[in-house]
Amino acid sequence: MTSKELLYVEDALGHEQYFQTKCAETMNMLQDKELRTFVQQLAQAHGTIFQNFYGLL
């Protein structure tokens, strides 16, 4: 993997971690169960994407 590709993966990891954190924060503020479930699914999706990118390393 080139240094430029590695920088891209590191950047993508940071973005996915940020999205997962923001989803978790938002989920805790929601009272609507359907919306809360949807945001929880988004957080899980970003966690999966994070793991996939991490697996490249």
N, C-alpha and C. Protein backbone atom coordinates (compact mmCIF):
# COMPACT_ATOMS: atom_id res chain seq x y z
N MET A 1 0.86 -1.17 0.00
CA MET A 1 0.00 0.00 0.00
C MET A 1 0.90 1.23 0.00
N THR A 2 0.61 2.17 -0.87
CA THR A 2 1.42 3.38 -0.95
C THR A 2 1.10 4.28 0.25
N SER A 3 1.97 5.25 0.47
CA SER A 3 1.75 6.18 1.59
C SER A 3 0.49 7.02 1.36
N LYS A 4 0.20 7.35 0.11
CA LYS A 4 -1.00 8.11 -0.19
C LYS A 4 -2.26 7.28 0.09
N GLU A 5 -2.23 6.00 -0.26
CA GLU A 5 -3.36 5.13 0.02
C GLU A 5 -3.55 4.94 1.52
N LEU A 6 -2.46 4.83 2.24
CA LEU A 6 -2.53 4.69 3.69
C LEU A 6 -3.14 5.94 4.33
N LEU A 7 -2.77 7.10 3.83
CA LEU A 7 -3.35 8.34 4.33
C LEU A 7 -4.86 8.39 4.07
N TYR A 8 -5.27 7.89 2.91
CA TYR A 8 -6.69 7.84 2.59
C TYR A 8 -7.43 6.94 3.56
N VAL A 9 -6.88 5.77 3.83
CA VAL A 9 -7.53 4.83 4.75
C VAL A 9 -7.59 5.43 6.15
N GLU A 10 -6.52 6.07 6.60
CA GLU A 10 -6.53 6.71 7.92
C GLU A 10 -7.59 7.80 8.00
N ASP A 11 -7.71 8.58 6.94
CA ASP A 11 -8.72 9.63 6.88
C ASP A 11 -10.13 9.04 6.91
N ALA A 12 -10.33 7.98 6.14
CA ALA A 12 -11.64 7.31 6.12
C ALA A 12 -11.98 6.73 7.49
N LEU A 13 -10.99 6.16 8.18
CA LEU A 13 -11.21 5.64 9.53
C LEU A 13 -11.67 6.76 10.46
N GLY A 14 -11.03 7.89 10.37
CA GLY A 14 -11.40 9.03 11.21
C GLY A 14 -12.82 9.49 10.94
N HIS A 15 -13.19 9.55 9.67
CA HIS A 15 -14.55 9.97 9.31
C HIS A 15 -15.59 8.98 9.83
N GLU A 16 -15.34 7.71 9.64
CA GLU A 16 -16.30 6.70 10.09
C GLU A 16 -16.43 6.70 11.61
N GLN A 17 -15.33 6.89 12.30
CA GLN A 17 -15.38 6.96 13.76
C GLN A 17 -16.18 8.18 14.21
N TYR A 18 -15.97 9.30 13.53
CA TYR A 18 -16.71 10.53 13.84
C TYR A 18 -18.21 10.32 13.61
N PHE A 19 -18.58 9.74 12.46
CA PHE A 19 -20.00 9.51 12.16
C PHE A 19 -20.64 8.58 13.19
N GLN A 20 -19.91 7.55 13.58
CA GLN A 20 -20.43 6.61 14.57
C GLN A 20 -20.65 7.32 15.91
N THR A 21 -19.72 8.16 16.31
CA THR A 21 -19.84 8.91 17.56
C THR A 21 -21.02 9.87 17.51
N LYS A 22 -21.17 10.58 16.41
CA LYS A 22 -22.28 11.54 16.28
C LYS A 22 -23.63 10.83 16.27
N CYS A 23 -23.70 9.68 15.62
CA CYS A 23 -24.95 8.92 15.63
C CYS A 23 -25.30 8.49 17.05
N ALA A 24 -24.31 8.03 17.80
CA ALA A 24 -24.55 7.59 19.17
C ALA A 24 -25.01 8.76 20.04
N GLU A 25 -24.39 9.92 19.87
CA GLU A 25 -24.80 11.11 20.62
C GLU A 25 -26.23 11.51 20.27
N THR A 26 -26.54 11.49 18.99
CA THR A 26 -27.87 11.88 18.52
C THR A 26 -28.92 10.88 19.01
N MET A 27 -28.57 9.61 18.96
CA MET A 27 -29.50 8.57 19.39
C MET A 27 -29.92 8.79 20.85
N ASN A 28 -28.98 9.20 21.68
CA ASN A 28 -29.28 9.42 23.09
C ASN A 28 -30.20 10.61 23.33
N MET A 29 -30.31 11.49 22.37
CA MET A 29 -31.17 12.67 22.52
C MET A 29 -32.57 12.45 21.96
N LEU A 30 -32.76 11.38 21.20
CA LEU A 30 -34.04 11.15 20.54
C LEU A 30 -35.02 10.42 21.46
N GLN A 31 -36.28 10.79 21.35
CA GLN A 31 -37.31 10.12 22.13
C GLN A 31 -38.19 9.23 21.25
N ASP A 32 -38.29 9.55 19.98
CA ASP A 32 -39.07 8.74 19.05
C ASP A 32 -38.35 7.41 18.83
N LYS A 33 -39.03 6.30 19.15
CA LYS A 33 -38.39 4.98 19.09
C LYS A 33 -37.98 4.58 17.68
N GLU A 34 -38.82 4.89 16.70
CA GLU A 34 -38.49 4.54 15.31
C GLU A 34 -37.26 5.28 14.83
N LEU A 35 -37.23 6.57 15.11
CA LEU A 35 -36.09 7.38 14.69
C LEU A 35 -34.83 6.95 15.45
N ARG A 36 -34.98 6.66 16.71
CA ARG A 36 -33.85 6.21 17.52
C ARG A 36 -33.28 4.89 16.96
N THR A 37 -34.17 3.97 16.58
CA THR A 37 -33.74 2.70 16.00
C THR A 37 -33.01 2.93 14.68
N PHE A 38 -33.53 3.84 13.87
CA PHE A 38 -32.90 4.15 12.59
C PHE A 38 -31.49 4.70 12.80
N VAL A 39 -31.34 5.63 13.73
CA VAL A 39 -30.02 6.22 13.99
C VAL A 39 -29.08 5.16 14.58
N GLN A 40 -29.62 4.27 15.37
CA GLN A 40 -28.80 3.18 15.91
C GLN A 40 -28.29 2.29 14.78
N GLN A 41 -29.12 2.03 13.79
CA GLN A 41 -28.71 1.25 12.63
C GLN A 41 -27.63 1.98 11.84
N LEU A 42 -27.75 3.30 11.74
CA LEU A 42 -26.71 4.09 11.06
C LEU A 42 -25.38 3.96 11.81
N ALA A 43 -25.43 4.04 13.13
CA ALA A 43 -24.21 3.92 13.94
C ALA A 43 -23.57 2.55 13.72
N GLN A 44 -24.39 1.51 13.67
CA GLN A 44 -23.87 0.17 13.44
C GLN A 44 -23.27 0.05 12.05
N ALA A 45 -23.90 0.67 11.08
CA ALA A 45 -23.38 0.63 9.70
C ALA A 45 -22.02 1.31 9.63
N HIS A 46 -21.89 2.44 10.30
CA HIS A 46 -20.60 3.14 10.29
C HIS A 46 -19.55 2.34 11.06
N GLY A 47 -19.97 1.61 12.08
CA GLY A 47 -19.04 0.73 12.80
C GLY A 47 -18.54 -0.39 11.90
N THR A 48 -19.43 -0.93 11.09
CA THR A 48 -19.05 -1.99 10.15
C THR A 48 -18.08 -1.45 9.10
N ILE A 49 -18.37 -0.29 8.58
CA ILE A 49 -17.48 0.33 7.59
C ILE A 49 -16.12 0.60 8.21
N PHE A 50 -16.11 1.08 9.45
CA PHE A 50 -14.85 1.32 10.17
C PHE A 50 -14.04 0.02 10.23
N GLN A 51 -14.69 -1.08 10.63
CA GLN A 51 -14.00 -2.37 10.74
C GLN A 51 -13.46 -2.83 9.39
N ASN A 52 -14.21 -2.59 8.33
CA ASN A 52 -13.76 -2.98 6.99
C ASN A 52 -12.50 -2.20 6.59
N PHE A 53 -12.52 -0.89 6.83
CA PHE A 53 -11.33 -0.08 6.52
C PHE A 53 -10.16 -0.51 7.40
N TYR A 54 -10.44 -0.75 8.68
CA TYR A 54 -9.38 -1.15 9.61
C TYR A 54 -8.76 -2.48 9.17
N GLY A 55 -9.60 -3.35 8.63
CA GLY A 55 -9.12 -4.63 8.14
C GLY A 55 -8.12 -4.51 7.00
N LEU A 56 -8.18 -3.38 6.29
CA LEU A 56 -7.22 -3.17 5.20
C LEU A 56 -5.80 -2.95 5.71
N LEU A 57 -5.70 -2.52 6.95
CA LEU A 57 -4.38 -2.25 7.51
C LEU A 57 -3.76 -3.55 7.98
